[in-house]
Amino acid sequence: MLFLRKQYFAAIRDGSKTTTIRFWRYAMVRPGSVEVVRGLGRLKIEAVEEIALESLTAADARADGFADLGSLHTALTAHYPPEAREGKQLYRVRFVFVG
């Protein structure tokens, strides 16, 4: 199951947000699955990749709906403070909004 905050719904609908970056113990979704996000609709998961925080790029930030890498890092810190990251791996989930 994939949960997304309402603040990102408009960007997902208009296609400017096509990924989400998550700290998870293990991959919570699989490529090819269709996830229903309450209040938004369905997302088809295209890819799920383990990544390192240091390997995130400006392109990752734009795909995640942020203007720059600094904004993405700020959001990740707000959503995942250091204690919430313990024992977890960073994942990039690429998706398509299917309505």
PDB file of N, CA and C in Angstrom:
ATOM      1  N   MET A   1       0.841  -1.178   0.000  1.00  0.00           N
ATOM      2  CA  MET A   1       0.000   0.000   0.000  1.00  0.00           C
ATOM      3  C   MET A   1       0.887   1.243   0.000  1.00  0.00           C
ATOM      4  N   LEU A   2       0.462   2.234  -0.710  1.00  0.00           N
ATOM      5  CA  LEU A   2       1.214   3.468  -0.839  1.00  0.00           C
ATOM      6  C   LEU A   2       0.361   4.622  -0.323  1.00  0.00           C
ATOM      7  N   PHE A   3       0.887   5.352   0.629  1.00  0.00           N
ATOM      8  CA  PHE A   3       0.211   6.528   1.153  1.00  0.00           C
ATOM      9  C   PHE A   3       0.936   7.770   0.648  1.00  0.00           C
ATOM     10  N   LEU A   4       0.172   8.758   0.231  1.00  0.00           N
ATOM     11  CA  LEU A   4       0.734  10.023  -0.231  1.00  0.00           C
ATOM     12  C   LEU A   4      -0.036  11.166   0.418  1.00  0.00           C
ATOM     13  N   ARG A   5       0.665  12.236   0.714  1.00  0.00           N
ATOM     14  CA  ARG A   5       0.029  13.402   1.318  1.00  0.00           C
ATOM     15  C   ARG A   5      -0.750  14.195   0.277  1.00  0.00           C
ATOM     16  N   LYS A   6      -1.863  14.793   0.718  1.00  0.00           N
ATOM     17  CA  LYS A   6      -2.720  15.566  -0.177  1.00  0.00           C
ATOM     18  C   LYS A   6      -1.963  16.690  -0.880  1.00  0.00           C
ATOM     19  N   GLN A   7      -0.959  17.236  -0.221  1.00  0.00           N
ATOM     20  CA  GLN A   7      -0.223  18.347  -0.804  1.00  0.00           C
ATOM     21  C   GLN A   7       0.441  17.970  -2.128  1.00  0.00           C
ATOM     22  N   TYR A   8       0.599  16.683  -2.408  1.00  0.00           N
ATOM     23  CA  TYR A   8       1.236  16.221  -3.639  1.00  0.00           C
ATOM     24  C   TYR A   8       0.234  15.799  -4.716  1.00  0.00           C
ATOM     25  N   PHE A   9      -1.043  15.752  -4.409  1.00  0.00           N
ATOM     26  CA  PHE A   9      -2.039  15.231  -5.349  1.00  0.00           C
ATOM     27  C   PHE A   9      -2.083  15.999  -6.668  1.00  0.00           C
ATOM     28  N   ALA A  10      -2.089  17.313  -6.627  1.00  0.00           N
ATOM     29  CA  ALA A  10      -2.178  18.109  -7.863  1.00  0.00           C
ATOM     30  C   ALA A  10      -0.988  17.829  -8.770  1.00  0.00           C
ATOM     31  N   ALA A  11       0.208  17.750  -8.200  1.00  0.00           N
ATOM     32  CA  ALA A  11       1.415  17.483  -8.994  1.00  0.00           C
ATOM     33  C   ALA A  11       1.379  16.079  -9.597  1.00  0.00           C
ATOM     34  N   ILE A  12       0.806  15.132  -8.887  1.00  0.00           N
ATOM     35  CA  ILE A  12       0.671  13.775  -9.425  1.00  0.00           C
ATOM     36  C   ILE A  12      -0.326  13.776 -10.578  1.00  0.00           C
ATOM     37  N   ARG A  13      -1.452  14.430 -10.380  1.00  0.00           N
ATOM     38  CA  ARG A  13      -2.474  14.476 -11.432  1.00  0.00           C
ATOM     39  C   ARG A  13      -1.964  15.142 -12.707  1.00  0.00           C
ATOM     40  N   ASP A  14      -1.188  16.219 -12.558  1.00  0.00           N
ATOM     41  CA  ASP A  14      -0.715  16.927 -13.763  1.00  0.00           C
ATOM     42  C   ASP A  14       0.575  16.342 -14.333  1.00  0.00           C
ATOM     43  N   GLY A  15       1.098  15.301 -13.700  1.00  0.00           N
ATOM     44  CA  GLY A  15       2.268  14.602 -14.229  1.00  0.00           C
ATOM     45  C   GLY A  15       3.609  15.211 -13.869  1.00  0.00           C
ATOM     46  N   SER A  16       3.626  16.241 -13.024  1.00  0.00           N
ATOM     47  CA  SER A  16       4.910  16.829 -12.643  1.00  0.00           C
ATOM     48  C   SER A  16       5.575  16.085 -11.488  1.00  0.00           C
ATOM     49  N   LYS A  17       4.857  15.173 -10.852  1.00  0.00           N
ATOM     50  CA  LYS A  17       5.426  14.298  -9.824  1.00  0.00           C
ATOM     51  C   LYS A  17       5.197  12.869 -10.277  1.00  0.00           C
ATOM     52  N   THR A  18       6.293  12.185 -10.613  1.00  0.00           N
ATOM     53  CA  THR A  18       6.201  10.820 -11.132  1.00  0.00           C
ATOM     54  C   THR A  18       6.989   9.821 -10.288  1.00  0.00           C
ATOM     55  N   THR A  19       7.570  10.306  -9.198  1.00  0.00           N
ATOM     56  CA  THR A  19       8.275   9.417  -8.279  1.00  0.00           C
ATOM     57  C   THR A  19       7.970   9.819  -6.843  1.00  0.00           C
ATOM     58  N   THR A  20       8.298   8.918  -5.956  1.00  0.00           N
ATOM     59  CA  THR A  20       8.310   9.223  -4.531  1.00  0.00           C
ATOM     60  C   THR A  20       9.532   8.533  -3.945  1.00  0.00           C
ATOM     61  N   ILE A  21      10.173   9.201  -3.015  1.00  0.00           N
ATOM     62  CA  ILE A  21      11.369   8.672  -2.364  1.00  0.00           C
ATOM     63  C   ILE A  21      10.958   8.261  -0.947  1.00  0.00           C
ATOM     64  N   ARG A  22      11.264   7.021  -0.585  1.00  0.00           N
ATOM     65  CA  ARG A  22      10.801   6.480   0.691  1.00  0.00           C
ATOM     66  C   ARG A  22      11.892   5.769   1.468  1.00  0.00           C
ATOM     67  N   PHE A  23      11.860   5.921   2.790  1.00  0.00           N
ATOM     68  CA  PHE A  23      12.661   5.098   3.683  1.00  0.00           C
ATOM     69  C   PHE A  23      11.759   3.968   4.164  1.00  0.00           C
ATOM     70  N   TRP A  24      12.083   2.746   3.770  1.00  0.00           N
ATOM     71  CA  TRP A  24      11.325   1.557   4.144  1.00  0.00           C
ATOM     72  C   TRP A  24      12.282   0.470   4.599  1.00  0.00           C
ATOM     73  N   ARG A  25      11.785  -0.434   5.433  1.00  0.00           N
ATOM     74  CA  ARG A  25      12.578  -1.606   5.831  1.00  0.00           C
ATOM     75  C   ARG A  25      12.770  -2.540   4.635  1.00  0.00           C
ATOM     76  N   TYR A  26      11.759  -2.620   3.785  1.00  0.00           N
ATOM     77  CA  TYR A  26      11.798  -3.417   2.560  1.00  0.00           C
ATOM     78  C   TYR A  26      10.833  -2.758   1.579  1.00  0.00           C
ATOM     79  N   ALA A  27      10.929  -3.089   0.317  1.00  0.00           N
ATOM     80  CA  ALA A  27      10.056  -2.495  -0.694  1.00  0.00           C
ATOM     81  C   ALA A  27       8.600  -2.827  -0.382  1.00  0.00           C
ATOM     82  N   MET A  28       7.783  -1.811  -0.255  1.00  0.00           N
ATOM     83  CA  MET A  28       6.380  -1.986   0.125  1.00  0.00           C
ATOM     84  C   MET A  28       5.448  -2.119  -1.073  1.00  0.00           C
ATOM     85  N   VAL A  29       5.946  -1.832  -2.271  1.00  0.00           N
ATOM     86  CA  VAL A  29       5.174  -1.992  -3.501  1.00  0.00           C
ATOM     87  C   VAL A  29       6.066  -2.681  -4.522  1.00  0.00           C
ATOM     88  N   ARG A  30       5.445  -3.204  -5.573  1.00  0.00           N
ATOM     89  CA  ARG A  30       6.191  -3.933  -6.602  1.00  0.00           C
ATOM     90  C   ARG A  30       5.909  -3.360  -7.988  1.00  0.00           C
ATOM     91  N   PRO A  31       6.908  -3.392  -8.857  1.00  0.00           N
ATOM     92  CA  PRO A  31       6.673  -2.943 -10.228  1.00  0.00           C
ATOM     93  C   PRO A  31       5.534  -3.740 -10.865  1.00  0.00           C
ATOM     94  N   GLY A  32       4.681  -3.037 -11.602  1.00  0.00           N
ATOM     95  CA  GLY A  32       3.543  -3.673 -12.257  1.00  0.00           C
ATOM     96  C   GLY A  32       2.268  -3.640 -11.442  1.00  0.00           C
ATOM     97  N   SER A  33       2.387  -3.398 -10.144  1.00  0.00           N
ATOM     98  CA  SER A  33       1.182  -3.346  -9.313  1.00  0.00           C
ATOM     99  C   SER A  33       0.455  -2.023  -9.527  1.00  0.00           C
ATOM    100  N   VAL A  34      -0.827  -2.029  -9.218  1.00  0.00           N
ATOM    101  CA  VAL A  34      -1.631  -0.813  -9.251  1.00  0.00           C
ATOM    102  C   VAL A  34      -2.054  -0.532  -7.811  1.00  0.00           C
ATOM    103  N   GLU A  35      -1.653   0.626  -7.317  1.00  0.00           N
ATOM    104  CA  GLU A  35      -1.941   1.015  -5.942  1.00  0.00           C
ATOM    105  C   GLU A  35      -3.056   2.051  -5.930  1.00  0.00           C
ATOM    106  N   VAL A  36      -4.020   1.862  -5.039  1.00  0.00           N
ATOM    107  CA  VAL A  36      -5.101   2.827  -4.879  1.00  0.00           C
ATOM    108  C   VAL A  36      -4.716   3.771  -3.746  1.00  0.00           C
ATOM    109  N   VAL A  37      -4.670   5.056  -4.051  1.00  0.00           N
ATOM    110  CA  VAL A  37      -4.346   6.080  -3.062  1.00  0.00           C
ATOM    111  C   VAL A  37      -5.641   6.799  -2.737  1.00  0.00           C
ATOM    112  N   ARG A  38      -6.052   6.706  -1.501  1.00  0.00           N
ATOM    113  CA  ARG A  38      -7.299   7.319  -1.070  1.00  0.00           C
ATOM    114  C   ARG A  38      -7.313   8.811  -1.359  1.00  0.00           C
ATOM    115  N   GLY A  39      -8.382   9.272  -1.992  1.00  0.00           N
ATOM    116  CA  GLY A  39      -8.533  10.678  -2.298  1.00  0.00           C
ATOM    117  C   GLY A  39      -7.864  11.102  -3.589  1.00  0.00           C
ATOM    118  N   LEU A  40      -7.073  10.217  -4.184  1.00  0.00           N
ATOM    119  CA  LEU A  40      -6.346  10.541  -5.408  1.00  0.00           C
ATOM    120  C   LEU A  40      -6.778   9.658  -6.566  1.00  0.00           C
ATOM    121  N   GLY A  41      -6.682   8.368  -6.391  1.00  0.00           N
ATOM    122  CA  GLY A  41      -6.990   7.428  -7.462  1.00  0.00           C
ATOM    123  C   GLY A  41      -5.943   6.334  -7.543  1.00  0.00           C
ATOM    124  N   ARG A  42      -5.724   5.837  -8.750  1.00  0.00           N
ATOM    125  CA  ARG A  42      -4.832   4.696  -8.933  1.00  0.00           C
ATOM    126  C   ARG A  42      -3.498   5.120  -9.529  1.00  0.00           C
ATOM    127  N   LEU A  43      -2.443   4.474  -9.049  1.00  0.00           N
ATOM    128  CA  LEU A  43      -1.098   4.674  -9.569  1.00  0.00           C
ATOM    129  C   LEU A  43      -0.565   3.324 -10.015  1.00  0.00           C
ATOM    130  N   LYS A  44      -0.017   3.274 -11.220  1.00  0.00           N
ATOM    131  CA  LYS A  44       0.647   2.057 -11.680  1.00  0.00           C
ATOM    132  C   LYS A  44       2.124   2.200 -11.342  1.00  0.00           C
ATOM    133  N   ILE A  45       2.649   1.260 -10.594  1.00  0.00           N
ATOM    134  CA  ILE A  45       4.049   1.282 -10.184  1.00  0.00           C
ATOM    135  C   ILE A  45       4.894   0.750 -11.336  1.00  0.00           C
ATOM    136  N   GLU A  46       5.814   1.581 -11.812  1.00  0.00           N
ATOM    137  CA  GLU A  46       6.667   1.197 -12.929  1.00  0.00           C
ATOM    138  C   GLU A  46       8.009   0.636 -12.474  1.00  0.00           C
ATOM    139  N   ALA A  47       8.557   1.178 -11.383  1.00  0.00           N
ATOM    140  CA  ALA A  47       9.869   0.723 -10.914  1.00  0.00           C
ATOM    141  C   ALA A  47      10.010   1.001  -9.422  1.00  0.00           C
ATOM    142  N   VAL A  48      10.753   0.147  -8.755  1.00  0.00           N
ATOM    143  CA  VAL A  48      11.104   0.325  -7.350  1.00  0.00           C
ATOM    144  C   VAL A  48      12.593   0.014  -7.251  1.00  0.00           C
ATOM    145  N   GLU A  49      13.381   1.020  -6.847  1.00  0.00           N
ATOM    146  CA  GLU A  49      14.834   0.854  -6.834  1.00  0.00           C
ATOM    147  C   GLU A  49      15.415   1.277  -5.494  1.00  0.00           C
ATOM    148  N   GLU A  50      16.316   0.460  -4.964  1.00  0.00           N
ATOM    149  CA  GLU A  50      17.090   0.878  -3.792  1.00  0.00           C
ATOM    150  C   GLU A  50      18.096   1.910  -4.256  1.00  0.00           C
ATOM    151  N   ILE A  51      18.220   2.987  -3.495  1.00  0.00           N
ATOM    152  CA  ILE A  51      19.176   4.039  -3.841  1.00  0.00           C
ATOM    153  C   ILE A  51      19.852   4.533  -2.572  1.00  0.00           C
ATOM    154  N   ALA A  52      20.948   5.225  -2.742  1.00  0.00           N
ATOM    155  CA  ALA A  52      21.638   5.863  -1.616  1.00  0.00           C
ATOM    156  C   ALA A  52      21.236   7.333  -1.583  1.00  0.00           C
ATOM    157  N   LEU A  53      21.083   7.870  -0.398  1.00  0.00           N
ATOM    158  CA  LEU A  53      20.711   9.273  -0.247  1.00  0.00           C
ATOM    159  C   LEU A  53      21.682  10.175  -1.001  1.00  0.00           C
ATOM    160  N   GLU A  54      22.963   9.839  -0.948  1.00  0.00           N
ATOM    161  CA  GLU A  54      23.992  10.648  -1.596  1.00  0.00           C
ATOM    162  C   GLU A  54      23.903  10.603  -3.124  1.00  0.00           C
ATOM    163  N   SER A  55      23.206   9.618  -3.666  1.00  0.00           N
ATOM    164  CA  SER A  55      23.132   9.486  -5.121  1.00  0.00           C
ATOM    165  C   SER A  55      21.945  10.230  -5.729  1.00  0.00           C
ATOM    166  N   LEU A  56      21.091  10.823  -4.893  1.00  0.00           N
ATOM    167  CA  LEU A  56      19.967  11.600  -5.425  1.00  0.00           C
ATOM    168  C   LEU A  56      20.491  12.792  -6.217  1.00  0.00           C
ATOM    169  N   THR A  57      19.814  13.094  -7.312  1.00  0.00           N
ATOM    170  CA  THR A  57      20.243  14.168  -8.201  1.00  0.00           C
ATOM    171  C   THR A  57      19.140  15.216  -8.349  1.00  0.00           C
ATOM    172  N   ALA A  58      19.478  16.294  -9.055  1.00  0.00           N
ATOM    173  CA  ALA A  58      18.485  17.324  -9.360  1.00  0.00           C
ATOM    174  C   ALA A  58      17.347  16.729 -10.199  1.00  0.00           C
ATOM    175  N   ALA A  59      17.666  15.782 -11.063  1.00  0.00           N
ATOM    176  CA  ALA A  59      16.631  15.119 -11.869  1.00  0.00           C
ATOM    177  C   ALA A  59      15.673  14.327 -10.977  1.00  0.00           C
ATOM    178  N   ASP A  60      16.206  13.684  -9.935  1.00  0.00           N
ATOM    179  CA  ASP A  60      15.346  12.983  -8.973  1.00  0.00           C
ATOM    180  C   ASP A  60      14.410  13.968  -8.285  1.00  0.00           C
ATOM    181  N   ALA A  61      14.943  15.115  -7.909  1.00  0.00           N
ATOM    182  CA  ALA A  61      14.134  16.134  -7.233  1.00  0.00           C
ATOM    183  C   ALA A  61      12.997  16.600  -8.142  1.00  0.00           C
ATOM    184  N   ARG A  62      13.296  16.878  -9.401  1.00  0.00           N
ATOM    185  CA  ARG A  62      12.256  17.334 -10.342  1.00  0.00           C
ATOM    186  C   ARG A  62      11.202  16.254 -10.559  1.00  0.00           C
ATOM    187  N   ALA A  63      11.620  14.998 -10.701  1.00  0.00           N
ATOM    188  CA  ALA A  63      10.669  13.899 -10.890  1.00  0.00           C
ATOM    189  C   ALA A  63       9.779  13.720  -9.670  1.00  0.00           C
ATOM    190  N   ASP A  64      10.289  14.129  -8.515  1.00  0.00           N
ATOM    191  CA  ASP A  64       9.519  14.023  -7.273  1.00  0.00           C
ATOM    192  C   ASP A  64       8.689  15.281  -7.012  1.00  0.00           C
ATOM    193  N   GLY A  65       8.715  16.215  -7.963  1.00  0.00           N
ATOM    194  CA  GLY A  65       7.878  17.410  -7.853  1.00  0.00           C
ATOM    195  C   GLY A  65       8.526  18.576  -7.138  1.00  0.00           C
ATOM    196  N   PHE A  66       9.843  18.531  -6.927  1.00  0.00           N
ATOM    197  CA  PHE A  66      10.549  19.600  -6.226  1.00  0.00           C
ATOM    198  C   PHE A  66      11.383  20.415  -7.203  1.00  0.00           C
ATOM    199  N   ALA A  67      11.592  21.670  -6.869  1.00  0.00           N
ATOM    200  CA  ALA A  67      12.341  22.577  -7.746  1.00  0.00           C
ATOM    201  C   ALA A  67      13.822  22.227  -7.802  1.00  0.00           C
ATOM    202  N   ASP A  68      14.353  21.735  -6.685  1.00  0.00           N
ATOM    203  CA  ASP A  68      15.787  21.450  -6.636  1.00  0.00           C
ATOM    204  C   ASP A  68      16.070  20.388  -5.586  1.00  0.00           C
ATOM    205  N   LEU A  69      17.314  19.940  -5.564  1.00  0.00           N
ATOM    206  CA  LEU A  69      17.725  18.869  -4.656  1.00  0.00           C
ATOM    207  C   LEU A  69      17.618  19.289  -3.194  1.00  0.00           C
ATOM    208  N   GLY A  70      17.921  20.541  -2.899  1.00  0.00           N
ATOM    209  CA  GLY A  70      17.807  21.030  -1.525  1.00  0.00           C
ATOM    210  C   GLY A  70      16.386  20.926  -0.994  1.00  0.00           C
ATOM    211  N   SER A  71      15.409  21.254  -1.841  1.00  0.00           N
ATOM    212  CA  SER A  71      13.997  21.153  -1.434  1.00  0.00           C
ATOM    213  C   SER A  71      13.594  19.708  -1.172  1.00  0.00           C
ATOM    214  N   LEU A  72      14.098  18.791  -2.002  1.00  0.00           N
ATOM    215  CA  LEU A  72      13.816  17.371  -1.781  1.00  0.00           C
ATOM    216  C   LEU A  72      14.416  16.909  -0.459  1.00  0.00           C
ATOM    217  N   HIS A  73      15.664  17.287  -0.184  1.00  0.00           N
ATOM    218  CA  HIS A  73      16.306  16.899   1.082  1.00  0.00           C
ATOM    219  C   HIS A  73      15.560  17.484   2.277  1.00  0.00           C
ATOM    220  N   THR A  74      15.080  18.712   2.162  1.00  0.00           N
ATOM    221  CA  THR A  74      14.310  19.337   3.246  1.00  0.00           C
ATOM    222  C   THR A  74      13.030  18.547   3.513  1.00  0.00           C
ATOM    223  N   ALA A  75      12.336  18.161   2.447  1.00  0.00           N
ATOM    224  CA  ALA A  75      11.103  17.382   2.603  1.00  0.00           C
ATOM    225  C   ALA A  75      11.391  16.012   3.206  1.00  0.00           C
ATOM    226  N   LEU A  76      12.461  15.357   2.753  1.00  0.00           N
ATOM    227  CA  LEU A  76      12.808  14.049   3.318  1.00  0.00           C
ATOM    228  C   LEU A  76      13.116  14.152   4.803  1.00  0.00           C
ATOM    229  N   THR A  77      13.817  15.211   5.200  1.00  0.00           N
ATOM    230  CA  THR A  77      14.127  15.412   6.623  1.00  0.00           C
ATOM    231  C   THR A  77      12.857  15.649   7.424  1.00  0.00           C
ATOM    232  N   ALA A  78      11.910  16.399   6.851  1.00  0.00           N
ATOM    233  CA  ALA A  78      10.641  16.663   7.545  1.00  0.00           C
ATOM    234  C   ALA A  78       9.809  15.389   7.686  1.00  0.00           C
ATOM    235  N   HIS A  79       9.766  14.577   6.627  1.00  0.00           N
ATOM    236  CA  HIS A  79       8.963  13.351   6.645  1.00  0.00           C
ATOM    237  C   HIS A  79       9.645  12.216   7.394  1.00  0.00           C
ATOM    238  N   TYR A  80      10.980  12.203   7.357  1.00  0.00           N
ATOM    239  CA  TYR A  80      11.756  11.121   7.965  1.00  0.00           C
ATOM    240  C   TYR A  80      12.893  11.687   8.806  1.00  0.00           C
ATOM    241  N   PRO A  81      12.617  12.088  10.047  1.00  0.00           N
ATOM    242  CA  PRO A  81      13.714  12.542  10.908  1.00  0.00           C
ATOM    243  C   PRO A  81      14.706  11.389  11.122  1.00  0.00           C
ATOM    244  N   PRO A  82      15.930  11.688  11.556  1.00  0.00           N
ATOM    245  CA  PRO A  82      16.965  10.644  11.682  1.00  0.00           C
ATOM    246  C   PRO A  82      16.512   9.387  12.420  1.00  0.00           C
ATOM    247  N   GLU A  83      15.771   9.525  13.490  1.00  0.00           N
ATOM    248  CA  GLU A  83      15.349   8.336  14.244  1.00  0.00           C
ATOM    249  C   GLU A  83      14.361   7.475  13.456  1.00  0.00           C
ATOM    250  N   ALA A  84      13.625   8.065  12.511  1.00  0.00           N
ATOM    251  CA  ALA A  84      12.674   7.308  11.694  1.00  0.00           C
ATOM    252  C   ALA A  84      13.370   6.573  10.548  1.00  0.00           C
ATOM    253  N   ARG A  85      14.637   6.882  10.304  1.00  0.00           N
ATOM    254  CA  ARG A  85      15.387   6.257   9.211  1.00  0.00           C
ATOM    255  C   ARG A  85      16.144   5.010   9.657  1.00  0.00           C
ATOM    256  N   GLU A  86      16.291   4.838  10.960  1.00  0.00           N
ATOM    257  CA  GLU A  86      17.097   3.739  11.487  1.00  0.00           C
ATOM    258  C   GLU A  86      16.602   2.386  10.990  1.00  0.00           C
ATOM    259  N   GLY A  87      17.525   1.594  10.471  1.00  0.00           N
ATOM    260  CA  GLY A  87      17.202   0.256  10.000  1.00  0.00           C
ATOM    261  C   GLY A  87      16.438   0.231   8.684  1.00  0.00           C
ATOM    262  N   LYS A  88      16.398   1.353   7.992  1.00  0.00           N
ATOM    263  CA  LYS A  88      15.631   1.431   6.754  1.00  0.00           C
ATOM    264  C   LYS A  88      16.532   1.770   5.576  1.00  0.00           C
ATOM    265  N   GLN A  89      16.083   1.365   4.418  1.00  0.00           N
ATOM    266  CA  GLN A  89      16.764   1.606   3.145  1.00  0.00           C
ATOM    267  C   GLN A  89      15.969   2.661   2.383  1.00  0.00           C
ATOM    268  N   LEU A  90      16.640   3.441   1.559  1.00  0.00           N
ATOM    269  CA  LEU A  90      15.972   4.440   0.738  1.00  0.00           C
ATOM    270  C   LEU A  90      15.565   3.807  -0.596  1.00  0.00           C
ATOM    271  N   TYR A  91      14.327   4.061  -1.004  1.00  0.00           N
ATOM    272  CA  TYR A  91      13.796   3.545  -2.258  1.00  0.00           C
ATOM    273  C   TYR A  91      13.250   4.687  -3.106  1.00  0.00           C
ATOM    274  N   ARG A  92      13.437   4.560  -4.416  1.00  0.00           N
ATOM    275  CA  ARG A  92      12.802   5.463  -5.382  1.00  0.00           C
ATOM    276  C   ARG A  92      11.698   4.655  -6.063  1.00  0.00           C
ATOM    277  N   VAL A  93      10.473   5.144  -5.982  1.00  0.00           N
ATOM    278  CA  VAL A  93       9.323   4.481  -6.584  1.00  0.00           C
ATOM    279  C   VAL A  93       8.847   5.349  -7.747  1.00  0.00           C
ATOM    280  N   ARG A  94       8.896   4.795  -8.947  1.00  0.00           N
ATOM    281  CA  ARG A  94       8.427   5.509 -10.134  1.00  0.00           C
ATOM    282  C   ARG A  94       7.040   5.001 -10.484  1.00  0.00           C
ATOM    283  N   PHE A  95       6.116   5.930 -10.781  1.00  0.00           N
ATOM    284  CA  PHE A  95       4.730   5.563 -11.027  1.00  0.00           C
ATOM    285  C   PHE A  95       4.110   6.422 -12.124  1.00  0.00           C
ATOM    286  N   VAL A  96       2.939   5.982 -12.582  1.00  0.00           N
ATOM    287  CA  VAL A  96       2.121   6.719 -13.537  1.00  0.00           C
ATOM    288  C   VAL A  96       0.725   6.835 -12.927  1.00  0.00           C
ATOM    289  N   PHE A  97       0.172   8.027 -12.951  1.00  0.00           N
ATOM    290  CA  PHE A  97      -1.201   8.240 -12.476  1.00  0.00           C
ATOM    291  C   PHE A  97      -2.155   7.715 -13.544  1.00  0.00           C
ATOM    292  N   VAL A  98      -3.024   6.788 -13.158  1.00  0.00           N
ATOM    293  CA  VAL A  98      -3.975   6.205 -14.111  1.00  0.00           C
ATOM    294  C   VAL A  98      -5.413   6.559 -13.776  1.00  0.00           C
ATOM    295  N   GLY A  99      -5.602   7.406 -12.809  1.00  0.00           N
ATOM    296  CA  GLY A  99      -6.954   7.895 -12.517  1.00  0.00           C
ATOM    297  C   GLY A  99      -7.717   7.140 -11.484  1.00  0.00           C
TER     298      GLY A  99
END
